[in-house]
C-alpha atoms as a PDB file:
ATOM      1  CA  MET A   1     -18.690   4.716  23.658  1.00  0.00           C
ATOM      2  CA  LEU A   2     -17.832   2.698  26.736  1.00  0.00           C
ATOM      3  CA  PRO A   3     -14.032   2.188  27.536  1.00  0.00           C
ATOM      4  CA  GLU A   4     -14.432  -1.701  27.116  1.00  0.00           C
ATOM      5  CA  THR A   5     -16.089  -1.135  23.698  1.00  0.00           C
ATOM      6  CA  PHE A   6     -13.205   1.162  22.500  1.00  0.00           C
ATOM      7  CA  ASN A   7     -10.752  -1.503  23.826  1.00  0.00           C
ATOM      8  CA  PHE A   8     -12.595  -4.325  22.024  1.00  0.00           C
ATOM      9  CA  PHE A   9     -12.056  -2.599  18.729  1.00  0.00           C
ATOM     10  CA  ARG A  10      -8.503  -1.690  19.318  1.00  0.00           C
ATOM     11  CA  GLU A  11      -7.862  -5.348  20.102  1.00  0.00           C
ATOM     12  CA  TYR A  12      -9.859  -6.616  17.226  1.00  0.00           C
ATOM     13  CA  VAL A  13      -7.993  -4.572  14.574  1.00  0.00           C
ATOM     14  CA  ARG A  14      -4.716  -5.411  16.255  1.00  0.00           C
ATOM     15  CA  ARG A  15      -5.304  -9.145  16.040  1.00  0.00           C
ATOM     16  CA  ALA A  16      -6.942  -8.973  12.604  1.00  0.00           C
ATOM     17  CA  ALA A  17      -4.377  -6.626  10.855  1.00  0.00           C
ATOM     18  CA  GLY A  18      -1.538  -5.797  13.275  1.00  0.00           C
ATOM     19  CA  ILE A  19      -2.807  -2.151  13.393  1.00  0.00           C
ATOM     20  CA  VAL A  20      -2.193  -0.446  16.702  1.00  0.00           C
ATOM     21  CA  LEU A  21      -4.651   2.358  17.684  1.00  0.00           C
ATOM     22  CA  ASP A  22      -3.394   4.418  20.516  1.00  0.00           C
ATOM     23  CA  GLN A  23      -5.652   5.427  23.417  1.00  0.00           C
ATOM     24  CA  ASP A  24      -6.259   8.841  21.837  1.00  0.00           C
ATOM     25  CA  LYS A  25      -7.931   7.345  18.944  1.00  0.00           C
ATOM     26  CA  GLU A  26     -11.324   6.950  20.379  1.00  0.00           C
ATOM     27  CA  TYR A  27     -12.835   9.721  18.221  1.00  0.00           C
ATOM     28  CA  LEU A  28     -11.297   8.046  15.083  1.00  0.00           C
ATOM     29  CA  VAL A  29     -13.051   4.671  15.990  1.00  0.00           C
ATOM     30  CA  ARG A  30     -16.343   6.359  16.747  1.00  0.00           C
ATOM     31  CA  THR A  31     -16.547   8.299  13.578  1.00  0.00           C
ATOM     32  CA  ARG A  32     -15.221   5.773  11.158  1.00  0.00           C
ATOM     33  CA  LEU A  33     -17.481   3.081  12.311  1.00  0.00           C
ATOM     34  CA  GLN A  34     -20.647   5.314  11.829  1.00  0.00           C
ATOM     35  CA  ASP A  35     -21.259   4.010   8.316  1.00  0.00           C
ATOM     36  CA  VAL A  36     -21.163   0.381   9.519  1.00  0.00           C
ATOM     37  CA  LEU A  37     -23.703   1.229  12.193  1.00  0.00           C
ATOM     38  CA  ARG A  38     -26.002   2.917   9.594  1.00  0.00           C
ATOM     39  CA  ASP A  39     -25.648   0.126   7.078  1.00  0.00           C
ATOM     40  CA  HIS A  40     -26.654  -2.451   9.560  1.00  0.00           C
ATOM     41  CA  LYS A  41     -29.268  -0.354  11.370  1.00  0.00           C
ATOM     42  CA  LEU A  42     -27.445  -0.607  14.605  1.00  0.00           C
ATOM     43  CA  GLY A  43     -27.963   1.996  17.401  1.00  0.00           C
ATOM     44  CA  SER A  44     -24.602   1.962  19.013  1.00  0.00           C
ATOM     45  CA  LEU A  45     -21.088   0.677  18.981  1.00  0.00           C
ATOM     46  CA  GLU A  46     -21.957  -1.379  21.849  1.00  0.00           C
ATOM     47  CA  GLU A  47     -24.656  -3.044  19.811  1.00  0.00           C
ATOM     48  CA  LEU A  48     -21.988  -3.620  17.164  1.00  0.00           C
ATOM     49  CA  ARG A  49     -19.658  -5.125  19.489  1.00  0.00           C
ATOM     50  CA  SER A  50     -22.340  -7.433  20.744  1.00  0.00           C
ATOM     51  CA  ARG A  51     -22.667  -8.832  17.176  1.00  0.00           C
ATOM     52  CA  MET A  52     -18.809  -9.691  16.977  1.00  0.00           C
ATOM     53  CA  ASP A  53     -16.168 -11.420  18.901  1.00  0.00           C
ATOM     54  CA  LEU A  54     -12.436 -11.402  18.644  1.00  0.00           C
ATOM     55  CA  ALA A  55     -12.609 -14.462  16.493  1.00  0.00           C
ATOM     56  CA  THR A  56     -14.877 -12.867  13.774  1.00  0.00           C
ATOM     57  CA  THR A  57     -13.088 -13.185  10.379  1.00  0.00           C
ATOM     58  CA  PRO A  58     -11.709 -10.004   8.885  1.00  0.00           C
ATOM     59  CA  ARG A  59     -12.392 -11.388   5.372  1.00  0.00           C
ATOM     60  CA  SER A  60     -16.228 -11.255   5.465  1.00  0.00           C
ATOM     61  CA  GLY A  61     -19.217  -9.632   7.115  1.00  0.00           C
ATOM     62  CA  LEU A  62     -18.839  -7.240  10.023  1.00  0.00           C
ATOM     63  CA  GLY A  63     -15.291  -8.154  10.632  1.00  0.00           C
ATOM     64  CA  LYS A  64     -14.340  -7.016   7.207  1.00  0.00           C
ATOM     65  CA  GLU A  65     -16.322  -3.915   7.359  1.00  0.00           C
ATOM     66  CA  VAL A  66     -14.786  -2.987  10.796  1.00  0.00           C
ATOM     67  CA  VAL A  67     -11.175  -3.504   9.606  1.00  0.00           C
ATOM     68  CA  GLU A  68     -11.692  -1.591   6.264  1.00  0.00           C
ATOM     69  CA  SER A  69     -13.312   1.382   8.232  1.00  0.00           C
ATOM     70  CA  LEU A  70     -10.394   1.636  10.627  1.00  0.00           C
ATOM     71  CA  THR A  71      -7.780   1.385   7.882  1.00  0.00           C
ATOM     72  CA  THR A  72      -6.168   4.697   6.603  1.00  0.00           C
ATOM     73  CA  ASN A  73      -6.149   4.814   2.643  1.00  0.00           C
ATOM     74  CA  GLU A  74      -4.368   8.025   2.165  1.00  0.00           C
ATOM     75  CA  THR A  75      -2.547   8.020  -1.200  1.00  0.00           C
ATOM     76  CA  SER A  76      -2.072  10.172  -4.356  1.00  0.00           C
ATOM     77  CA  PHE A  77      -0.164  10.097  -7.752  1.00  0.00           C
ATOM     78  CA  PHE A  78       3.570  10.671  -7.373  1.00  0.00           C
ATOM     79  CA  ARG A  79       3.144  11.081  -3.653  1.00  0.00           C
ATOM     80  CA  ASP A  80       6.655  12.507  -2.367  1.00  0.00           C
ATOM     81  CA  LEU A  81       8.013  13.381  -5.636  1.00  0.00           C
ATOM     82  CA  LYS A  82      11.724  12.899  -4.443  1.00  0.00           C
ATOM     83  CA  VAL A  83      11.103   9.121  -4.278  1.00  0.00           C
ATOM     84  CA  PHE A  84      10.176   8.815  -7.957  1.00  0.00           C
ATOM     85  CA  GLN A  85      13.196  11.041  -8.744  1.00  0.00           C
ATOM     86  CA  VAL A  86      15.356   8.292  -7.097  1.00  0.00           C
ATOM     87  CA  PHE A  87      13.566   5.652  -9.123  1.00  0.00           C
ATOM     88  CA  LYS A  88      14.423   7.582 -12.265  1.00  0.00           C
ATOM     89  CA  GLU A  89      17.993   8.411 -11.464  1.00  0.00           C
ATOM     90  CA  LEU A  90      19.194   5.465  -9.481  1.00  0.00           C
ATOM     91  CA  ILE A  91      16.967   2.489  -8.875  1.00  0.00           C
ATOM     92  CA  LEU A  92      15.689   1.808 -12.329  1.00  0.00           C
ATOM     93  CA  PRO A  93      19.050   2.426 -14.083  1.00  0.00           C
ATOM     94  CA  ARG A  94      20.637  -0.096 -11.661  1.00  0.00           C
ATOM     95  CA  LEU A  95      17.983  -2.613 -12.152  1.00  0.00           C
ATOM     96  CA  LEU A  96      17.981  -2.303 -15.975  1.00  0.00           C
ATOM     97  CA  GLU A  97      21.765  -2.936 -15.895  1.00  0.00           C
ATOM     98  CA  ALA A  98      21.355  -5.868 -13.315  1.00  0.00           C
ATOM     99  CA  ARG A  99      18.595  -7.527 -15.133  1.00  0.00           C
ATOM    100  CA  LYS A 100      19.520  -7.077 -18.768  1.00  0.00           C
ATOM    101  CA  THR A 101      19.715 -10.768 -19.430  1.00  0.00           C
ATOM    102  CA  VAL A 102      16.291 -11.566 -18.041  1.00  0.00           C
ATOM    103  CA  ARG A 103      14.618  -8.323 -18.929  1.00  0.00           C
ATOM    104  CA  ASN A 104      11.901  -8.637 -16.232  1.00  0.00           C
ATOM    105  CA  LEU A 105      11.126  -6.513 -13.249  1.00  0.00           C
ATOM    106  CA  ARG A 106       8.671  -7.147 -10.527  1.00  0.00           C
ATOM    107  CA  PHE A 107       7.690  -4.410  -7.874  1.00  0.00           C
ATOM    108  CA  TRP A 108       5.349  -4.821  -4.899  1.00  0.00           C
ATOM    109  CA  SER A 109       3.208  -1.887  -3.741  1.00  0.00           C
ATOM    110  CA  ALA A 110       2.237  -3.025  -0.175  1.00  0.00           C
ATOM    111  CA  ALA A 111      -0.827  -1.271   1.215  1.00  0.00           C
ATOM    112  CA  SER A 112      -1.460  -0.056  -2.158  1.00  0.00           C
ATOM    113  CA  SER A 113      -4.853   1.559  -1.516  1.00  0.00           C
ATOM    114  CA  THR A 114      -6.529   2.679  -4.611  1.00  0.00           C
ATOM    115  CA  GLY A 115      -3.443   2.098  -6.759  1.00  0.00           C
ATOM    116  CA  GLN A 116      -1.989   5.554  -7.543  1.00  0.00           C
ATOM    117  CA  GLU A 117       1.534   4.449  -6.169  1.00  0.00           C
ATOM    118  CA  ALA A 118       1.582   1.380  -8.633  1.00  0.00           C
ATOM    119  CA  TYR A 119       0.325   3.342 -11.560  1.00  0.00           C
ATOM    120  CA  SER A 120       2.739   6.248 -10.911  1.00  0.00           C
ATOM    121  CA  LEU A 121       5.564   3.803 -11.290  1.00  0.00           C
ATOM    122  CA  ALA A 122       4.081   2.419 -14.422  1.00  0.00           C
ATOM    123  CA  MET A 123       3.744   5.777 -16.011  1.00  0.00           C
ATOM    124  CA  LEU A 124       7.388   6.689 -14.875  1.00  0.00           C
ATOM    125  CA  TRP A 125       8.538   3.561 -16.597  1.00  0.00           C
ATOM    126  CA  ARG A 126       6.682   4.150 -19.787  1.00  0.00           C
ATOM    127  CA  GLU A 127       7.640   7.808 -19.937  1.00  0.00           C
ATOM    128  CA  GLN A 128      11.447   7.561 -19.171  1.00  0.00           C
ATOM    129  CA  PHE A 129      12.487   3.961 -19.901  1.00  0.00           C
ATOM    130  CA  ASN A 130      10.225   1.175 -21.420  1.00  0.00           C
ATOM    131  CA  PRO A 131      12.982  -0.471 -23.446  1.00  0.00           C
ATOM    132  CA  PRO A 132      11.881  -2.926 -26.008  1.00  0.00           C
ATOM    133  CA  GLY A 133      11.538  -6.593 -24.792  1.00  0.00           C
ATOM    134  CA  TRP A 134      11.335  -5.609 -21.182  1.00  0.00           C
ATOM    135  CA  ASN A 135       8.546  -6.435 -18.863  1.00  0.00           C
ATOM    136  CA  LEU A 136       7.627  -4.477 -15.722  1.00  0.00           C
ATOM    137  CA  ARG A 137       5.018  -6.042 -13.520  1.00  0.00           C
ATOM    138  CA  ILE A 138       3.718  -4.358 -10.283  1.00  0.00           C
ATOM    139  CA  VAL A 139       1.742  -6.116  -7.702  1.00  0.00           C
ATOM    140  CA  GLY A 140      -0.486  -3.962  -5.484  1.00  0.00           C
ATOM    141  CA  THR A 141      -1.948  -5.389  -2.277  1.00  0.00           C
ATOM    142  CA  ASP A 142      -4.321  -4.153   0.313  1.00  0.00           C
ATOM    143  CA  LEU A 143      -6.799  -5.674   2.882  1.00  0.00           C
ATOM    144  CA  ASP A 144      -9.594  -3.182   1.810  1.00  0.00           C
ATOM    145  CA  GLU A 145     -11.403  -4.799  -1.135  1.00  0.00           C
ATOM    146  CA  THR A 146     -13.218  -1.521  -1.810  1.00  0.00           C
ATOM    147  CA  VAL A 147     -10.093   0.392  -2.576  1.00  0.00           C
ATOM    148  CA  LEU A 148      -8.756  -2.678  -4.556  1.00  0.00           C
ATOM    149  CA  ALA A 149     -11.884  -2.574  -6.762  1.00  0.00           C
ATOM    150  CA  GLN A 150     -11.127   0.972  -7.761  1.00  0.00           C
ATOM    151  CA  ALA A 151      -7.320   0.247  -8.303  1.00  0.00           C
ATOM    152  CA  LYS A 152      -8.367  -2.589 -10.683  1.00  0.00           C
ATOM    153  CA  SER A 153     -10.713  -0.175 -12.562  1.00  0.00           C
ATOM    154  CA  GLY A 154      -8.006   2.391 -12.992  1.00  0.00           C
ATOM    155  CA  GLU A 155     -10.713   5.065 -12.744  1.00  0.00           C
ATOM    156  CA  TYR A 156     -10.238   8.175 -10.729  1.00  0.00           C
ATOM    157  CA  THR A 157     -12.183  11.363 -10.002  1.00  0.00           C
ATOM    158  CA  ARG A 158     -10.958  14.960 -10.939  1.00  0.00           C
ATOM    159  CA  LEU A 159      -9.948  15.632  -7.471  1.00  0.00           C
ATOM    160  CA  GLU A 160      -7.708  12.446  -7.416  1.00  0.00           C
ATOM    161  CA  VAL A 161      -6.042  13.181 -10.753  1.00  0.00           C
ATOM    162  CA  ASN A 162      -5.355  16.780  -9.589  1.00  0.00           C
ATOM    163  CA  ARG A 163      -3.344  15.690  -6.649  1.00  0.00           C
ATOM    164  CA  GLY A 164       0.339  15.204  -7.853  1.00  0.00           C
ATOM    165  CA  LEU A 165      -0.433  14.036 -11.396  1.00  0.00           C
ATOM    166  CA  PRO A 166       1.585  16.110 -13.943  1.00  0.00           C
ATOM    167  CA  ALA A 167      -0.691  17.511 -16.674  1.00  0.00           C
ATOM    168  CA  LYS A 168       1.244  15.902 -19.507  1.00  0.00           C
ATOM    169  CA  TYR A 169       0.631  12.492 -17.814  1.00  0.00           C
ATOM    170  CA  LEU A 170      -3.119  13.104 -17.605  1.00  0.00           C
ATOM    171  CA  VAL A 171      -3.199  14.028 -21.259  1.00  0.00           C
ATOM    172  CA  ARG A 172      -1.030  11.035 -22.448  1.00  0.00           C
ATOM    173  CA  TYR A 173      -2.149   8.150 -20.132  1.00  0.00           C
ATOM    174  CA  PHE A 174      -5.785   8.917 -19.179  1.00  0.00           C
ATOM    175  CA  ASP A 175      -9.167   8.798 -21.116  1.00  0.00           C
ATOM    176  CA  GLU A 176     -12.012  10.969 -19.927  1.00  0.00           C
ATOM    177  CA  VAL A 177     -15.054   8.759 -18.936  1.00  0.00           C
ATOM    178  CA  ASP A 178     -18.136  10.587 -17.764  1.00  0.00           C
ATOM    179  CA  GLN A 179     -16.936  12.821 -14.955  1.00  0.00           C
ATOM    180  CA  ASN A 180     -13.912  10.670 -14.258  1.00  0.00           C
ATOM    181  CA  TRP A 181     -10.488   9.812 -15.682  1.00  0.00           C
ATOM    182  CA  ARG A 182      -9.427   6.242 -16.574  1.00  0.00           C
ATOM    183  CA  LEU A 183      -5.931   5.027 -17.078  1.00  0.00           C
ATOM    184  CA  LYS A 184      -5.280   3.662 -20.652  1.00  0.00           C
ATOM    185  CA  GLN A 185      -5.048  -0.109 -20.798  1.00  0.00           C
ATOM    186  CA  GLU A 186      -1.286   0.137 -21.814  1.00  0.00           C
ATOM    187  CA  VAL A 187      -0.665   1.519 -18.204  1.00  0.00           C
ATOM    188  CA  ARG A 188      -2.939  -0.817 -16.492  1.00  0.00           C
ATOM    189  CA  ASN A 189      -1.323  -3.798 -18.117  1.00  0.00           C
ATOM    190  CA  HIS A 190       1.710  -3.222 -15.766  1.00  0.00           C
ATOM    191  CA  ALA A 191      -0.127  -3.635 -12.597  1.00  0.00           C
ATOM    192  CA  GLU A 192      -2.328  -6.341 -10.853  1.00  0.00           C
ATOM    193  CA  PHE A 193      -4.071  -5.926  -7.390  1.00  0.00           C
ATOM    194  CA  ARG A 194      -4.912  -8.506  -4.954  1.00  0.00           C
ATOM    195  CA  TRP A 195      -6.038  -8.871  -1.331  1.00  0.00           C
ATOM    196  CA  ALA A 196      -3.268  -9.450   1.260  1.00  0.00           C
ATOM    197  CA  ASN A 197      -2.806  -8.678   4.969  1.00  0.00           C
ATOM    198  CA  LEU A 198       0.698  -7.624   6.153  1.00  0.00           C
ATOM    199  CA  HIS A 199      -0.020  -9.317   9.366  1.00  0.00           C
ATOM    200  CA  ASP A 200      -0.161 -12.656   7.577  1.00  0.00           C
ATOM    201  CA  PRO A 201       2.369 -14.776   5.785  1.00  0.00           C
ATOM    202  CA  PHE A 202       3.206 -13.521   2.321  1.00  0.00           C
ATOM    203  CA  SER A 203       2.550 -16.732   0.565  1.00  0.00           C
ATOM    204  CA  GLY A 204       2.092 -16.877  -3.064  1.00  0.00           C
ATOM    205  CA  LEU A 205       3.502 -13.375  -3.851  1.00  0.00           C
ATOM    206  CA  GLY A 206       6.759 -14.448  -5.308  1.00  0.00           C
ATOM    207  CA  LYS A 207      10.018 -12.578  -5.448  1.00  0.00           C
ATOM    208  CA  PHE A 208      10.492  -8.790  -6.086  1.00  0.00           C
ATOM    209  CA  ASP A 209      13.054  -6.444  -7.206  1.00  0.00           C
ATOM    210  CA  VAL A 210      11.587  -3.569  -5.246  1.00  0.00           C
ATOM    211  CA  ILE A 211       9.206  -3.515  -2.340  1.00  0.00           C
ATOM    212  CA  LEU A 212       7.390  -0.332  -1.393  1.00  0.00           C
ATOM    213  CA  CYS A 213       5.761  -0.152   1.974  1.00  0.00           C
ATOM    214  CA  ARG A 214       5.602   3.698   2.314  1.00  0.00           C
ATOM    215  CA  ASN A 215       3.927   5.211   5.398  1.00  0.00           C
ATOM    216  CA  VAL A 216       2.431   1.909   6.543  1.00  0.00           C
ATOM    217  CA  LEU A 217       4.694   0.634   9.323  1.00  0.00           C
ATOM    218  CA  ILE A 218       3.809   3.593  11.524  1.00  0.00           C
ATOM    219  CA  TYR A 219       0.460   1.885  12.202  1.00  0.00           C
ATOM    220  CA  PHE A 220       2.237  -1.185  13.731  1.00  0.00           C
ATOM    221  CA  ASP A 221       4.029  -1.942  17.038  1.00  0.00           C
ATOM    222  CA  ALA A 222       7.855  -2.618  16.992  1.00  0.00           C
ATOM    223  CA  GLU A 223       7.473  -6.458  17.138  1.00  0.00           C
ATOM    224  CA  SER A 224       5.026  -6.468  14.205  1.00  0.00           C
ATOM    225  CA  LYS A 225       7.351  -4.152  12.176  1.00  0.00           C
ATOM    226  CA  LYS A 226      10.272  -6.481  12.761  1.00  0.00           C
ATOM    227  CA  LYS A 227       8.237  -9.373  11.468  1.00  0.00           C
ATOM    228  CA  ILE A 228       6.910  -7.699   8.494  1.00  0.00           C
ATOM    229  CA  LEU A 229      10.312  -6.322   7.438  1.00  0.00           C
ATOM    230  CA  ALA A 230      12.009  -9.633   8.028  1.00  0.00           C
ATOM    231  CA  ARG A 231       9.437 -11.429   5.799  1.00  0.00           C
ATOM    232  CA  MET A 232       9.671  -8.751   3.026  1.00  0.00           C
ATOM    233  CA  LEU A 233      13.508  -9.174   2.992  1.00  0.00           C
ATOM    234  CA  GLU A 234      12.931 -12.898   2.227  1.00  0.00           C
ATOM    235  CA  LEU A 235      11.254 -11.762  -1.010  1.00  0.00           C
ATOM    236  CA  LEU A 236      14.142  -9.343  -2.076  1.00  0.00           C
ATOM    237  CA  PRO A 237      17.256 -10.578  -3.809  1.00  0.00           C
ATOM    238  CA  PRO A 238      20.712  -9.263  -2.567  1.00  0.00           C
ATOM    239  CA  ASP A 239      20.552  -6.248  -4.935  1.00  0.00           C
ATOM    240  CA  GLY A 240      16.860  -5.465  -4.373  1.00  0.00           C
ATOM    241  CA  PHE A 241      15.430  -2.260  -2.762  1.00  0.00           C
ATOM    242  CA  LEU A 242      13.099  -1.648   0.112  1.00  0.00           C
ATOM    243  CA  VAL A 243      11.236   1.702   0.008  1.00  0.00           C
ATOM    244  CA  LEU A 244       9.692   3.012   3.173  1.00  0.00           C
ATOM    245  CA  GLY A 245       8.185   6.377   3.956  1.00  0.00           C
ATOM    246  CA  GLY A 246      10.524   9.271   4.412  1.00  0.00           C
ATOM    247  CA  SER A 247       9.857   9.406   8.185  1.00  0.00           C
ATOM    248  CA  GLU A 248      10.184   5.675   8.683  1.00  0.00           C
ATOM    249  CA  THR A 249      13.346   3.819   9.655  1.00  0.00           C
ATOM    250  CA  VAL A 250      14.660   0.354  10.263  1.00  0.00           C
ATOM    251  CA  PHE A 251      16.955   1.544  12.952  1.00  0.00           C
ATOM    252  CA  GLY A 252      16.509  -0.709  15.946  1.00  0.00           C
ATOM    253  CA  LEU A 253      14.426  -3.184  13.965  1.00  0.00           C
ATOM    254  CA  LEU A 254      16.824  -4.900  11.492  1.00  0.00           C
ATOM    255  CA  ASP A 255      20.694  -4.644  11.146  1.00  0.00           C
ATOM    256  CA  ASN A 256      20.973  -6.145   7.677  1.00  0.00           C
ATOM    257  CA  LEU A 257      19.765  -3.065   5.690  1.00  0.00           C
ATOM    258  CA  LYS A 258      21.734   0.099   4.779  1.00  0.00           C
ATOM    259  CA  PRO A 259      20.444   3.442   3.451  1.00  0.00           C
ATOM    260  CA  LEU A 260      20.714   3.847  -0.376  1.00  0.00           C
ATOM    261  CA  THR A 261      23.659   5.971  -1.108  1.00  0.00           C
ATOM    262  CA  GLY A 262      22.650   9.210  -2.922  1.00  0.00           C
ATOM    263  CA  GLY A 263      19.124   8.523  -2.256  1.00  0.00           C
ATOM    264  CA  VAL A 264      16.425   9.992   0.075  1.00  0.00           C
ATOM    265  CA  ALA A 265      15.514   8.952   3.580  1.00  0.00           C
ATOM    266  CA  GLY A 266      13.510   5.580   3.773  1.00  0.00           C
ATOM    267  CA  ILE A 267      15.202   3.777   0.840  1.00  0.00           C
ATOM    268  CA  TYR A 268      17.376   0.666   1.728  1.00  0.00           C
ATOM    269  CA  THR A 269      19.362  -1.985   0.208  1.00  0.00           C
ATOM    270  CA  LYS A 270      20.593  -5.280   1.836  1.00  0.00           C
ATOM    271  CA  GLN A 271      24.136  -5.396   3.301  1.00  0.00           C
END
């Protein structure tokens, strides 16, 4: 791959999705775009580049396929179990007390991939809380429509359910379908999934009690991180929670957030 071709795809994905690919990611670009080359019967990344320009939309055609190919979709059920323990012991009890007159909670799972995070929260809610008359709604968003389709189906392979999912949850909340496992409708009813690009305005999403954006901001530059976090805070009430990855921090980005007392790294409230 020619240097100018690599730089083209770096710039394209940065403009389209805000994702920053370092100079050492040439191998990643080359390998992940091989399926696009094969599907379109193209002989090289230079030929793919010639079919595109920086204005090519990321919502359809080649632009969509390139962005989806260069997006990381790593997820699993109950990923980083300590976070879900904080939900059980601190976040959900506080919100249940604070919202006892409205009995309605809304969470946002940003960059939700195939939906395991959203469904993990739904199962935790049903297992530990689920008081009568309450409604928990989890909105999962992603810019990859392939993973969104799987999230909407609620169907997972044996490998996927064997990564982090407690055995009792598999028995209680899944049905076996052919060689896969599908979440019961009662769990799927808590979640909805839609396309959204964190690089764009968050119009139409509404307000949330909790926003989860775990292990996502590491792919953005500092200026994009600031903008994304600032727009997320506009959707949170004063007593809402922002949940980032354990290695992610708002230090040097925003000064109106404080770490959750008694929590784990990466969980913040407004101050």
